[in-house]
Amino acid sequence: MHGTRQTFNRPTALVLGLAATGVCAGCAGIALSWLLHGVQHLAFGYGFDSLTASASFLQGVEQAAPRRRVFALALCGLVAGFGWFFLFRAGRTLVSIPSAASVPPRPMPAVATVAHALLQIITVGLGSPLGRESAPRELGALCAGRIGNRLGLGDEDTALLVACGSGAGLAAVYNVPLAGALFALETLLVSLPGRRAPAVLFVCVLGSLTAWAGLGDARTYIVPPINPSASLLLWAVFAGPLLGAAAWLFARATARARKSAVSGPGRIPACLANFFLIGLLAVPFPELLGNGKGPLQLSLVSSLTPALAAALLVLRFAVTVSTCKAGAFGGLITPSLLQGALAGILLGGCWSLFFPPILESHLALTGSAAFLAAAMSMPLTAVVLIYELTHANHDAFYPVILATAGAFAAARLLDRVCGKPGGA
């Protein structure tokens, strides 16, 4: 199954493996992104004429008839329920990326991993509120493990390739090479020597450059220039710990939901009921569908009212947890960014009752980074990810860093007092 091993000296084999991993991760990112967009267009009926050719997913959902939204989410429930039921019943046990990047690395089953990734992309395209970034990370890690085996690399080098492939998958779909590298270093390579950093960065840059061929090099989000006021800087200091506490609760809730998720045949009715309910909620709140990119962009340009932000904060939290509980899979990066942006807007509204007001775009940018850092225990990645996603100006990151530091510290304090969320 693994093919014939090629004989090279170690430095040559490692360089070839790193290069091949970057290219494969980039190609996987292209393919999965194209699949995602194709499913979105077919499900909600946009992008097929001159009026909707350049429409975003949120605009496509808003233009779709209410019954079409409900139908798409019901279909999502069927795909998720039957898909993951048969995958776990007939396929080999899935191997997580951390396990595949450990020493010795555990091989990821090819067919089951590919099916798992495709199910995530298809369900997110049909409206699942989870993120899409886990799928390219898994395919990047899968390819890396196979490449390492084919080149006859040792356990430590193969584990390095797997971590690089995971980071490059993230880098490819979001055009965030530095954040992809930091993600791998902060979450997968913490126990390996720091000399691994150049290799990770090389693979993530190569993955992003490869993805340019099919996805372009545009930034993901548009933000106006931010000139931090004294009020914003002071707000960041006080809001950081509150955002960290909220992120800790979000991480704990999703971890518990995943740990106790419905399995076996019960996954089918659970997913169908969950997504059908989300479809009904999407009639008045189309912003609930998808990973949250649309409403996050609206928050970054001050286009969400406080009332809508409050409603989305509660509803997005609920549907994200319920989707994990129902047995569906997906990432949490974009959902976390959106939760942080919404929480930041609401905290800023309260702040403005007593202090000079702050623009919603400033609150959203700062809140999203702080929340992500605390929810996923990756403060460096969160700050750099926000920069690469938005290309925000330099001064914008003074409040971002202040809030992120406070949020991360608060979340770690809660971990010590209450224990870390299990099952993440």
Protein backbone atom coordinates (compact mmCIF):
# COMPACT_ATOMS: atom_id res chain seq x y z
CA MET A 1 0.00 0.00 0.00
CA HIS A 2 2.85 2.37 0.75
CA GLY A 3 4.70 1.73 -2.49
CA THR A 4 8.36 0.99 -3.05
CA ARG A 5 10.77 2.91 -0.84
CA GLN A 6 13.30 5.08 -2.63
CA THR A 7 16.89 5.11 -1.41
CA PHE A 8 18.44 8.56 -0.90
CA ASN A 9 20.82 9.91 1.65
CA ARG A 10 18.96 11.54 4.54
CA PRO A 11 19.50 15.24 3.65
CA THR A 12 18.43 14.68 0.04
CA ALA A 13 15.42 12.61 1.05
CA LEU A 14 14.33 15.19 3.60
CA VAL A 15 14.58 18.11 1.16
CA LEU A 16 12.67 16.15 -1.48
CA GLY A 17 10.05 15.23 1.12
CA LEU A 18 9.60 18.79 2.28
CA ALA A 19 9.22 20.08 -1.28
CA ALA A 20 6.79 17.33 -2.27
CA THR A 21 4.75 17.90 0.89
CA GLY A 22 4.39 21.62 0.17
CA VAL A 23 3.26 21.03 -3.41
CA CYS A 24 0.82 18.27 -2.42
CA ALA A 25 -0.69 20.38 0.36
CA GLY A 26 -1.13 23.28 -2.04
CA CYS A 27 -2.83 21.07 -4.62
CA ALA A 28 -5.09 19.60 -1.95
CA GLY A 29 -6.04 23.12 -0.88
CA ILE A 30 -6.95 24.04 -4.46
CA ALA A 31 -9.06 20.92 -4.99
CA LEU A 32 -10.93 21.23 -1.71
CA SER A 33 -11.59 24.96 -2.21
CA TRP A 34 -12.97 24.35 -5.68
CA LEU A 35 -15.17 21.56 -4.31
CA LEU A 36 -16.43 23.81 -1.52
CA HIS A 37 -17.37 26.61 -3.90
CA GLY A 38 -19.00 24.20 -6.33
CA VAL A 39 -21.19 22.70 -3.59
CA GLN A 40 -22.15 26.16 -2.32
CA HIS A 41 -23.18 27.36 -5.77
CA LEU A 42 -25.21 24.24 -6.52
CA ALA A 43 -26.87 24.11 -3.12
CA PHE A 44 -28.00 27.74 -3.02
CA GLY A 45 -28.30 28.44 -6.75
CA TYR A 46 -25.97 31.38 -7.24
CA GLY A 47 -22.95 32.12 -9.38
CA PHE A 48 -24.51 30.91 -12.63
CA ASP A 49 -25.41 34.29 -14.13
CA SER A 50 -23.88 37.74 -14.46
CA LEU A 51 -25.82 39.07 -11.46
CA THR A 52 -24.45 36.51 -8.99
CA ALA A 53 -21.15 35.55 -10.63
CA SER A 54 -19.14 37.47 -8.04
CA ALA A 55 -21.52 36.99 -5.10
CA SER A 56 -20.15 35.80 -1.77
CA PHE A 57 -21.57 32.77 -0.01
CA LEU A 58 -23.58 34.94 2.38
CA GLN A 59 -25.02 36.92 -0.53
CA GLY A 60 -25.90 33.67 -2.27
CA VAL A 61 -27.69 32.37 0.81
CA GLU A 62 -29.57 35.66 1.24
CA GLN A 63 -30.73 35.50 -2.39
CA ALA A 64 -31.89 31.89 -2.05
CA ALA A 65 -35.53 31.25 -1.27
CA PRO A 66 -36.29 30.24 2.35
CA ARG A 67 -37.43 26.76 1.27
CA ARG A 68 -34.14 26.29 -0.57
CA ARG A 69 -32.18 27.11 2.59
CA VAL A 70 -34.17 24.54 4.55
CA PHE A 71 -33.79 21.93 1.79
CA ALA A 72 -30.03 22.49 1.56
CA LEU A 73 -29.61 22.02 5.30
CA ALA A 74 -31.83 18.94 5.32
CA LEU A 75 -29.61 17.52 2.56
CA CYS A 76 -26.60 18.48 4.69
CA GLY A 77 -28.06 16.45 7.55
CA LEU A 78 -28.53 13.41 5.32
CA VAL A 79 -25.00 13.65 3.93
CA ALA A 80 -23.49 14.12 7.38
CA GLY A 81 -25.53 11.44 9.10
CA PHE A 82 -25.24 8.69 6.51
CA GLY A 83 -21.74 9.70 5.42
CA TRP A 84 -20.06 9.55 8.83
CA PHE A 85 -22.17 6.57 9.93
CA PHE A 86 -20.95 4.44 7.01
CA LEU A 87 -17.42 5.84 7.26
CA PHE A 88 -17.04 4.75 10.88
CA ARG A 89 -18.87 1.49 10.28
CA ALA A 90 -16.97 0.36 7.21
CA GLY A 91 -13.75 2.37 7.24
CA ARG A 92 -10.60 2.02 9.29
CA THR A 93 -10.26 3.98 12.51
CA LEU A 94 -9.25 7.56 11.80
CA VAL A 95 -5.86 8.74 13.06
CA SER A 96 -5.65 12.31 14.31
CA ILE A 97 -3.00 14.70 13.05
CA PRO A 98 -1.28 14.92 16.46
CA SER A 99 -1.02 11.13 16.53
CA ALA A 100 0.35 11.07 12.98
CA ALA A 101 2.87 13.78 13.91
CA SER A 102 4.07 11.99 17.04
CA VAL A 103 7.22 9.90 17.36
CA PRO A 104 6.80 7.17 16.26
CA PRO A 105 4.12 8.46 13.84
CA ARG A 106 0.90 6.54 13.38
CA PRO A 107 0.00 6.13 9.68
CA MET A 108 -3.25 7.76 8.58
CA PRO A 109 -5.58 5.44 6.59
CA ALA A 110 -5.81 6.88 3.09
CA VAL A 111 -9.40 6.07 2.07
CA ALA A 112 -10.95 6.89 5.43
CA THR A 113 -9.00 10.15 5.77
CA VAL A 114 -9.91 11.32 2.25
CA ALA A 115 -13.57 10.43 2.83
CA HIS A 116 -13.53 12.25 6.16
CA ALA A 117 -12.06 15.37 4.55
CA LEU A 118 -14.54 15.33 1.66
CA LEU A 119 -17.49 14.98 4.03
CA GLN A 120 -16.31 18.03 5.95
CA ILE A 121 -16.01 20.14 2.81
CA ILE A 122 -19.34 19.02 1.37
CA THR A 123 -21.25 19.64 4.61
CA VAL A 124 -19.66 23.08 5.11
CA GLY A 125 -20.61 23.88 1.51
CA LEU A 126 -24.18 22.83 2.27
CA GLY A 127 -24.29 25.16 5.28
CA SER A 128 -22.70 23.43 8.27
CA PRO A 129 -21.55 26.09 10.78
CA LEU A 130 -18.16 24.42 11.32
CA GLY A 131 -14.91 25.43 9.64
CA ARG A 132 -13.32 24.06 6.49
CA GLU A 133 -9.66 24.17 7.55
CA SER A 134 -9.44 20.70 9.10
CA ALA A 135 -9.91 18.97 5.75
CA PRO A 136 -6.88 20.43 3.93
CA ARG A 137 -4.79 19.96 7.05
CA GLU A 138 -5.72 16.28 7.14
CA LEU A 139 -4.97 15.74 3.46
CA GLY A 140 -1.68 17.60 3.78
CA ALA A 141 -0.72 15.41 6.73
CA LEU A 142 -1.82 12.25 4.91
CA CYS A 143 0.28 13.07 1.85
CA ALA A 144 3.25 13.95 4.04
CA GLY A 145 3.14 10.62 5.85
CA ARG A 146 3.04 8.71 2.58
CA ILE A 147 5.88 10.77 1.16
CA GLY A 148 8.02 10.15 4.24
CA ASN A 149 7.39 6.42 4.00
CA ARG A 150 8.13 6.33 0.30
CA LEU A 151 11.44 8.14 0.79
CA GLY A 152 12.45 5.87 3.66
CA LEU A 153 12.68 8.65 6.24
CA GLY A 154 12.97 7.88 9.92
CA ASP A 155 10.23 8.41 12.49
CA GLU A 156 11.31 11.90 13.55
CA ASP A 157 11.65 13.15 9.98
CA THR A 158 8.31 11.63 8.99
CA ALA A 159 6.64 13.27 12.00
CA LEU A 160 8.17 16.56 10.91
CA LEU A 161 6.77 16.10 7.39
CA VAL A 162 3.30 15.38 8.80
CA ALA A 163 3.35 18.53 10.92
CA CYS A 164 4.59 20.53 7.93
CA GLY A 165 1.86 19.08 5.73
CA SER A 166 -0.81 20.02 8.25
CA GLY A 167 0.43 23.59 8.51
CA ALA A 168 0.80 23.87 4.74
CA GLY A 169 -2.80 22.74 4.25
CA LEU A 170 -3.97 25.62 6.43
CA ALA A 171 -1.57 27.99 4.68
CA ALA A 172 -2.81 26.98 1.24
CA VAL A 173 -6.56 27.50 1.72
CA TYR A 174 -6.23 30.85 3.51
CA ASN A 175 -2.99 32.15 1.93
CA VAL A 176 -1.38 32.41 5.37
CA PRO A 177 2.11 30.84 5.16
CA LEU A 178 3.52 32.33 8.36
CA ALA A 179 0.39 31.53 10.38
CA GLY A 180 0.40 28.00 8.98
CA ALA A 181 3.98 27.53 10.10
CA LEU A 182 3.31 28.96 13.56
CA PHE A 183 0.21 26.79 13.86
CA ALA A 184 2.32 23.67 13.28
CA LEU A 185 4.99 24.86 15.70
CA GLU A 186 2.56 25.88 18.47
CA THR A 187 0.27 22.84 18.26
CA LEU A 188 2.26 19.94 16.81
CA LEU A 189 6.00 20.52 17.13
CA VAL A 190 6.28 21.87 20.66
CA SER A 191 8.36 18.85 21.73
CA LEU A 192 10.74 18.92 18.76
CA PRO A 193 13.83 21.15 18.48
CA GLY A 194 13.50 24.74 17.28
CA ARG A 195 15.69 23.94 14.29
CA ARG A 196 12.55 22.50 12.71
CA ALA A 197 11.12 26.01 12.20
CA PRO A 198 12.88 26.73 8.87
CA ALA A 199 11.60 23.46 7.42
CA VAL A 200 8.02 24.21 8.49
CA LEU A 201 8.17 27.72 7.08
CA PHE A 202 9.59 26.47 3.78
CA VAL A 203 6.79 23.94 3.33
CA CYS A 204 4.05 26.40 4.28
CA VAL A 205 5.35 29.06 1.89
CA LEU A 206 5.58 26.47 -0.88
CA GLY A 207 2.03 25.31 -0.13
CA SER A 208 0.71 28.87 -0.36
CA LEU A 209 2.60 29.58 -3.57
CA THR A 210 1.27 26.37 -5.13
CA ALA A 211 -2.29 27.32 -4.15
CA TRP A 212 -1.90 30.69 -5.89
CA ALA A 213 -2.16 28.84 -9.20
CA GLY A 214 -5.78 27.91 -8.50
CA LEU A 215 -6.94 30.29 -5.78
CA GLY A 216 -5.02 33.53 -6.37
CA ASP A 217 -3.22 35.54 -3.73
CA ALA A 218 -5.96 37.92 -2.54
CA ARG A 219 -6.46 38.56 1.16
CA THR A 220 -9.45 36.87 2.77
CA TYR A 221 -10.96 39.85 4.62
CA ILE A 222 -11.07 43.59 3.98
CA VAL A 223 -10.59 45.96 6.92
CA PRO A 224 -10.32 49.75 7.01
CA PRO A 225 -7.15 51.37 8.40
CA ILE A 226 -7.09 51.36 12.18
CA ASN A 227 -5.53 54.15 14.23
CA PRO A 228 -5.84 52.96 17.83
CA SER A 229 -7.22 55.54 20.23
CA ALA A 230 -6.54 55.64 23.95
CA SER A 231 -10.06 54.32 24.47
CA LEU A 232 -9.39 51.30 22.22
CA LEU A 233 -6.09 50.49 23.94
CA LEU A 234 -7.66 50.72 27.38
CA TRP A 235 -10.63 48.65 26.22
CA ALA A 236 -8.26 45.96 24.92
CA VAL A 237 -6.65 45.67 28.36
CA PHE A 238 -9.97 45.26 30.15
CA ALA A 239 -11.77 43.23 27.49
CA GLY A 240 -8.96 40.71 26.96
CA PRO A 241 -9.65 38.61 30.09
CA LEU A 242 -13.40 38.67 29.42
CA LEU A 243 -12.84 37.46 25.87
CA GLY A 244 -10.51 34.79 27.23
CA ALA A 245 -13.17 33.56 29.65
CA ALA A 246 -15.76 33.45 26.86
CA ALA A 247 -13.34 31.58 24.61
CA TRP A 248 -12.58 29.12 27.40
CA LEU A 249 -16.30 28.40 27.75
CA PHE A 250 -16.63 27.98 23.98
CA ALA A 251 -13.69 25.57 23.85
CA ARG A 252 -15.01 23.62 26.81
CA ALA A 253 -18.52 23.37 25.34
CA THR A 254 -17.32 22.19 21.91
CA ALA A 255 -14.84 19.74 23.44
CA ARG A 256 -17.54 18.20 25.62
CA ALA A 257 -19.95 18.04 22.69
CA ARG A 258 -17.39 16.21 20.58
CA LYS A 259 -16.47 13.84 23.38
CA SER A 260 -20.13 12.89 23.92
CA ALA A 261 -21.20 13.14 20.26
CA VAL A 262 -23.88 10.82 18.96
CA SER A 263 -22.42 7.71 17.31
CA GLY A 264 -23.69 4.61 15.59
CA PRO A 265 -27.05 4.61 13.80
CA GLY A 266 -28.27 7.42 16.04
CA ARG A 267 -25.94 9.78 14.19
CA ILE A 268 -28.30 9.78 11.20
CA PRO A 269 -31.45 11.17 12.89
CA ALA A 270 -29.33 13.44 15.12
CA CYS A 271 -27.62 15.09 12.15
CA LEU A 272 -30.86 15.34 10.18
CA ALA A 273 -32.69 17.00 13.09
CA ASN A 274 -29.79 19.32 13.88
CA PHE A 275 -29.31 20.60 10.36
CA PHE A 276 -33.04 20.82 9.64
CA LEU A 277 -33.39 23.07 12.69
CA ILE A 278 -30.44 25.17 11.52
CA GLY A 279 -32.17 25.48 8.14
CA LEU A 280 -35.30 26.82 9.82
CA LEU A 281 -33.21 29.31 11.82
CA ALA A 282 -31.48 30.37 8.60
CA VAL A 283 -34.77 31.71 7.22
CA PRO A 284 -34.57 34.82 9.46
CA PHE A 285 -30.80 34.49 10.06
CA PRO A 286 -28.96 33.52 6.87
CA GLU A 287 -25.71 34.47 8.64
CA LEU A 288 -25.89 31.17 10.53
CA LEU A 289 -24.94 29.12 7.49
CA GLY A 290 -21.38 28.24 6.59
CA ASN A 291 -18.21 28.66 8.60
CA GLY A 292 -18.89 32.32 9.45
CA LYS A 293 -16.76 34.09 6.85
CA GLY A 294 -19.64 36.31 5.65
CA PRO A 295 -20.74 37.76 8.99
CA LEU A 296 -17.10 38.06 10.07
CA GLN A 297 -16.44 40.27 7.05
CA LEU A 298 -19.51 42.36 7.90
CA SER A 299 -18.23 42.85 11.43
CA LEU A 300 -14.83 43.97 10.14
CA VAL A 301 -16.40 46.79 8.14
CA SER A 302 -18.84 47.87 10.88
CA SER A 303 -21.90 46.51 9.08
CA LEU A 304 -23.51 44.58 11.93
CA THR A 305 -25.97 46.19 14.33
CA PRO A 306 -25.50 45.43 18.05
CA ALA A 307 -28.84 43.60 18.10
CA LEU A 308 -27.85 41.34 15.20
CA ALA A 309 -24.40 40.78 16.72
CA ALA A 310 -26.00 39.69 20.01
CA ALA A 311 -28.41 37.32 18.26
CA LEU A 312 -25.66 35.79 16.13
CA LEU A 313 -23.35 35.39 19.13
CA VAL A 314 -25.91 33.25 20.93
CA LEU A 315 -27.23 31.38 17.91
CA ARG A 316 -23.80 30.66 16.37
CA PHE A 317 -22.59 29.35 19.71
CA ALA A 318 -25.64 27.09 19.99
CA VAL A 319 -25.52 25.68 16.45
CA THR A 320 -21.76 25.11 16.59
CA VAL A 321 -22.07 23.09 19.79
CA SER A 322 -25.16 21.23 18.58
CA THR A 323 -23.46 20.31 15.31
CA CYS A 324 -20.48 18.86 17.19
CA LYS A 325 -22.89 17.00 19.48
CA ALA A 326 -24.82 15.57 16.53
CA GLY A 327 -21.66 13.87 15.27
CA ALA A 328 -20.59 16.13 12.40
CA PHE A 329 -17.00 17.24 11.94
CA GLY A 330 -15.21 20.40 10.91
CA GLY A 331 -12.76 23.04 12.09
CA LEU A 332 -13.23 25.77 14.67
CA ILE A 333 -10.85 28.51 13.49
CA THR A 334 -13.31 30.69 11.57
CA PRO A 335 -16.19 29.98 14.00
CA SER A 336 -13.88 31.11 16.82
CA LEU A 337 -12.86 34.25 14.95
CA LEU A 338 -16.52 35.12 14.42
CA GLN A 339 -17.44 34.49 18.07
CA GLY A 340 -14.63 36.80 19.11
CA ALA A 341 -15.65 39.53 16.68
CA LEU A 342 -19.26 39.43 17.87
CA ALA A 343 -18.25 39.38 21.54
CA GLY A 344 -15.88 42.28 20.91
CA ILE A 345 -18.66 44.36 19.35
CA LEU A 346 -20.96 43.76 22.32
CA LEU A 347 -18.26 44.47 24.90
CA GLY A 348 -17.38 47.62 22.99
CA GLY A 349 -21.00 48.71 23.05
CA CYS A 350 -21.05 48.43 26.83
CA TRP A 351 -17.72 50.27 27.03
CA SER A 352 -19.10 53.12 24.94
CA LEU A 353 -21.74 53.83 27.57
CA PHE A 354 -19.04 55.22 29.85
CA PHE A 355 -16.03 55.94 27.62
CA PRO A 356 -15.41 57.36 24.14
CA PRO A 357 -16.97 55.07 21.49
CA ILE A 358 -14.88 52.71 19.39
CA LEU A 359 -15.57 51.71 15.80
CA GLU A 360 -17.05 48.22 15.44
CA SER A 361 -14.39 47.22 12.93
CA HIS A 362 -11.69 47.91 15.53
CA LEU A 363 -13.57 45.92 18.15
CA ALA A 364 -14.16 43.00 15.79
CA LEU A 365 -10.55 42.73 14.66
CA THR A 366 -9.22 42.85 18.21
CA GLY A 367 -11.84 40.52 19.63
CA SER A 368 -11.44 37.88 16.94
CA ALA A 369 -7.71 37.46 17.52
CA ALA A 370 -8.01 37.40 21.31
CA PHE A 371 -10.84 34.86 21.27
CA LEU A 372 -9.05 32.52 18.84
CA ALA A 373 -5.83 32.68 20.85
CA ALA A 374 -7.61 31.63 24.04
CA ALA A 375 -9.96 29.08 22.49
CA MET A 376 -7.23 27.15 20.66
CA SER A 377 -4.21 27.90 22.87
CA MET A 378 -2.16 29.51 20.10
CA PRO A 379 -1.55 33.21 20.80
CA LEU A 380 1.24 33.73 18.27
CA THR A 381 -0.68 31.99 15.51
CA ALA A 382 -3.83 34.01 16.26
CA VAL A 383 -2.10 37.38 15.96
CA VAL A 384 -0.23 36.46 12.78
CA LEU A 385 -3.29 34.76 11.27
CA ILE A 386 -5.35 37.94 11.68
CA TYR A 387 -2.58 39.94 10.04
CA GLU A 388 -2.30 37.60 7.04
CA LEU A 389 -6.06 37.26 6.65
CA THR A 390 -6.69 41.02 6.69
CA HIS A 391 -3.37 42.75 5.86
CA ALA A 392 -4.31 45.23 8.60
CA ASN A 393 -2.00 48.15 9.17
CA HIS A 394 0.81 47.98 11.72
CA ASP A 395 -0.80 50.16 14.39
CA ALA A 396 -3.87 47.94 14.50
CA PHE A 397 -1.88 45.28 16.30
CA TYR A 398 -1.18 47.21 19.48
CA PRO A 399 -4.71 46.58 20.82
CA VAL A 400 -4.74 43.11 19.22
CA ILE A 401 -1.63 42.06 21.15
CA LEU A 402 -2.86 43.60 24.41
CA ALA A 403 -6.22 41.82 24.20
CA THR A 404 -4.66 38.55 23.06
CA ALA A 405 -2.24 38.49 25.99
CA GLY A 406 -5.06 39.11 28.47
CA ALA A 407 -7.35 36.55 26.87
CA PHE A 408 -4.71 33.84 26.75
CA ALA A 409 -3.69 34.47 30.37
CA ALA A 410 -7.31 34.31 31.55
CA ALA A 411 -7.97 31.05 29.68
CA ARG A 412 -4.84 29.43 31.13
CA LEU A 413 -5.85 30.57 34.62
CA LEU A 414 -9.25 28.95 34.15
CA ASP A 415 -7.51 25.78 32.96
CA ARG A 416 -5.56 25.66 36.22
CA VAL A 417 -8.60 26.32 38.37
CA CYS A 418 -11.19 24.21 36.55
CA GLY A 419 -9.11 21.83 34.42
CA LYS A 420 -8.51 21.83 30.69
CA PRO A 421 -11.39 21.01 28.32
CA GLY A 422 -11.14 17.33 27.41
CA GLY A 423 -11.66 15.70 24.10
CA ALA A 424 -10.58 18.60 21.94
